[in-house]
Amino acid sequence: MTRLTREQWQSLIKAYETSGLTQTDCCKQHNLNPKNFSLKRGKLLPLESSASPFVQVARVAPHQPGSDIELQVGAVKLKLSASVPSAYLVDLIRAQA
């Protein structure tokens, strides 16, 4: 197996991130050792992404019972009825993580 350049690794990692494949399946597809891929991904990923996965939350106004709930992250705004069960919101957030 030939050595991959940094650019090749970055390209493979980006392809994996958008592929929907498991890491194991992606490695099989590209004839890579999963352990090496994981190590390289761990080293390169923090360098590629300077944005934190966390967002700052600020309470704009106290929530009034019966009013809608609005969540906004960047340009994305989600408006929910206050009657929506909190478990639904938790599931929705987990699905996006």
C-alpha atoms as a PDB file:
ATOM      1  CA  MET A   1       0.000   0.000   0.000  1.00  0.00           C
ATOM      2  CA  THR A   2       1.345   3.422  -0.922  1.00  0.00           C
ATOM      3  CA  ARG A   3       1.570   6.302   1.538  1.00  0.00           C
ATOM      4  CA  LEU A   4      -1.153   8.882   1.210  1.00  0.00           C
ATOM      5  CA  THR A   5      -0.475  12.597   1.242  1.00  0.00           C
ATOM      6  CA  ARG A   6      -2.149  14.906   3.730  1.00  0.00           C
ATOM      7  CA  GLU A   7      -4.438  16.164   0.964  1.00  0.00           C
ATOM      8  CA  GLN A   8      -5.437  12.612   0.026  1.00  0.00           C
ATOM      9  CA  TRP A   9      -6.242  11.812   3.667  1.00  0.00           C
ATOM     10  CA  GLN A  10      -8.305  14.992   3.979  1.00  0.00           C
ATOM     11  CA  SER A  11     -10.190  14.102   0.809  1.00  0.00           C
ATOM     12  CA  LEU A  12     -10.896  10.571   2.072  1.00  0.00           C
ATOM     13  CA  ILE A  13     -12.052  11.872   5.450  1.00  0.00           C
ATOM     14  CA  LYS A  14     -14.405  14.375   3.814  1.00  0.00           C
ATOM     15  CA  ALA A  15     -15.746  11.653   1.528  1.00  0.00           C
ATOM     16  CA  TYR A  16     -16.353   9.423   4.553  1.00  0.00           C
ATOM     17  CA  GLU A  17     -18.130  12.202   6.485  1.00  0.00           C
ATOM     18  CA  THR A  18     -20.623  12.747   3.661  1.00  0.00           C
ATOM     19  CA  SER A  19     -20.959   9.126   2.523  1.00  0.00           C
ATOM     20  CA  GLY A  20     -23.318   7.793   5.177  1.00  0.00           C
ATOM     21  CA  LEU A  21     -21.131   4.683   5.372  1.00  0.00           C
ATOM     22  CA  THR A  22     -19.774   3.236   8.569  1.00  0.00           C
ATOM     23  CA  GLN A  23     -16.073   3.806   9.074  1.00  0.00           C
ATOM     24  CA  THR A  24     -15.431   0.093   8.582  1.00  0.00           C
ATOM     25  CA  ASP A  25     -17.343  -0.005   5.279  1.00  0.00           C
ATOM     26  CA  CYS A  26     -15.586   3.137   4.035  1.00  0.00           C
ATOM     27  CA  CYS A  27     -12.196   1.634   4.867  1.00  0.00           C
ATOM     28  CA  LYS A  28     -13.090  -1.608   3.063  1.00  0.00           C
ATOM     29  CA  GLN A  29     -14.197   0.385   0.035  1.00  0.00           C
ATOM     30  CA  HIS A  30     -10.876   2.277  -0.101  1.00  0.00           C
ATOM     31  CA  ASN A  31      -8.712  -0.651   1.037  1.00  0.00           C
ATOM     32  CA  LEU A  32      -7.635   1.139   4.242  1.00  0.00           C
ATOM     33  CA  ASN A  33      -6.818  -0.141   7.693  1.00  0.00           C
ATOM     34  CA  PRO A  34      -9.638   1.116   9.991  1.00  0.00           C
ATOM     35  CA  LYS A  35      -7.216   1.746  12.868  1.00  0.00           C
ATOM     36  CA  ASN A  36      -4.924   3.861  10.686  1.00  0.00           C
ATOM     37  CA  PHE A  37      -7.923   5.727   9.277  1.00  0.00           C
ATOM     38  CA  SER A  38      -9.237   6.461  12.753  1.00  0.00           C
ATOM     39  CA  LEU A  39      -5.851   7.703  13.963  1.00  0.00           C
ATOM     40  CA  LYS A  40      -5.324   9.912  10.920  1.00  0.00           C
ATOM     41  CA  ARG A  41      -8.881  11.244  11.143  1.00  0.00           C
ATOM     42  CA  GLY A  42      -8.349  12.124  14.804  1.00  0.00           C
ATOM     43  CA  LYS A  43      -5.191  14.048  13.936  1.00  0.00           C
ATOM     44  CA  LEU A  44      -6.532  15.888  10.888  1.00  0.00           C
ATOM     45  CA  LEU A  45     -10.141  16.572  11.851  1.00  0.00           C
ATOM     46  CA  PRO A  46      -9.389  19.134  14.575  1.00  0.00           C
ATOM     47  CA  LEU A  47      -7.146  21.014  12.127  1.00  0.00           C
ATOM     48  CA  GLU A  48      -9.875  21.182   9.465  1.00  0.00           C
ATOM     49  CA  SER A  49     -12.658  22.306  11.737  1.00  0.00           C
ATOM     50  CA  SER A  50     -12.099  25.336  13.893  1.00  0.00           C
ATOM     51  CA  ALA A  51     -15.822  25.701  14.589  1.00  0.00           C
ATOM     52  CA  SER A  52     -16.962  24.271  17.879  1.00  0.00           C
ATOM     53  CA  PRO A  53     -19.851  21.787  17.800  1.00  0.00           C
ATOM     54  CA  PHE A  54     -21.327  23.756  20.692  1.00  0.00           C
ATOM     55  CA  VAL A  55     -23.436  26.851  20.292  1.00  0.00           C
ATOM     56  CA  GLN A  56     -24.077  29.535  22.853  1.00  0.00           C
ATOM     57  CA  VAL A  57     -27.616  29.700  24.142  1.00  0.00           C
ATOM     58  CA  ALA A  58     -29.080  32.937  25.372  1.00  0.00           C
ATOM     59  CA  ARG A  59     -32.512  33.454  26.860  1.00  0.00           C
ATOM     60  CA  VAL A  60     -34.088  36.399  25.092  1.00  0.00           C
ATOM     61  CA  ALA A  61     -37.204  36.654  27.236  1.00  0.00           C
ATOM     62  CA  PRO A  62     -38.808  34.512  29.916  1.00  0.00           C
ATOM     63  CA  HIS A  63     -40.948  31.774  28.453  1.00  0.00           C
ATOM     64  CA  GLN A  64     -44.647  32.375  28.956  1.00  0.00           C
ATOM     65  CA  PRO A  65     -46.843  29.286  29.391  1.00  0.00           C
ATOM     66  CA  GLY A  66     -48.801  28.603  26.205  1.00  0.00           C
ATOM     67  CA  SER A  67     -46.481  30.601  23.947  1.00  0.00           C
ATOM     68  CA  ASP A  68     -44.398  29.199  21.105  1.00  0.00           C
ATOM     69  CA  ILE A  69     -40.776  28.179  21.551  1.00  0.00           C
ATOM     70  CA  GLU A  70     -38.211  29.428  19.023  1.00  0.00           C
ATOM     71  CA  LEU A  71     -34.710  28.069  18.589  1.00  0.00           C
ATOM     72  CA  GLN A  72     -32.280  29.714  16.200  1.00  0.00           C
ATOM     73  CA  VAL A  73     -28.795  28.572  15.209  1.00  0.00           C
ATOM     74  CA  GLY A  74     -27.302  30.757  12.510  1.00  0.00           C
ATOM     75  CA  ALA A  75     -29.803  31.056   9.689  1.00  0.00           C
ATOM     76  CA  VAL A  76     -31.847  28.069  10.862  1.00  0.00           C
ATOM     77  CA  LYS A  77     -34.902  28.861  12.958  1.00  0.00           C
ATOM     78  CA  LEU A  78     -37.177  26.270  14.546  1.00  0.00           C
ATOM     79  CA  LYS A  79     -40.527  27.321  15.944  1.00  0.00           C
ATOM     80  CA  LEU A  80     -42.466  24.860  18.074  1.00  0.00           C
ATOM     81  CA  SER A  81     -45.761  25.013  19.848  1.00  0.00           C
ATOM     82  CA  ALA A  82     -45.401  24.960  23.610  1.00  0.00           C
ATOM     83  CA  SER A  83     -47.641  21.882  23.574  1.00  0.00           C
ATOM     84  CA  VAL A  84     -44.926  19.814  21.840  1.00  0.00           C
ATOM     85  CA  PRO A  85     -43.662  17.204  24.316  1.00  0.00           C
ATOM     86  CA  SER A  86     -40.115  17.847  25.510  1.00  0.00           C
ATOM     87  CA  ALA A  87     -39.203  14.245  24.625  1.00  0.00           C
ATOM     88  CA  TYR A  88     -39.878  15.091  20.964  1.00  0.00           C
ATOM     89  CA  LEU A  89     -37.481  18.030  21.139  1.00  0.00           C
ATOM     90  CA  VAL A  90     -34.819  15.855  22.777  1.00  0.00           C
ATOM     91  CA  ASP A  91     -35.216  13.212  20.035  1.00  0.00           C
ATOM     92  CA  LEU A  92     -35.029  15.889  17.344  1.00  0.00           C
ATOM     93  CA  ILE A  93     -31.800  17.328  18.754  1.00  0.00           C
ATOM     94  CA  ARG A  94     -30.238  13.881  19.140  1.00  0.00           C
ATOM     95  CA  ALA A  95     -31.095  13.027  15.530  1.00  0.00           C
ATOM     96  CA  GLN A  96     -29.258  16.139  14.346  1.00  0.00           C
ATOM     97  CA  ALA A  97     -26.137  15.503  16.453  1.00  0.00           C
END
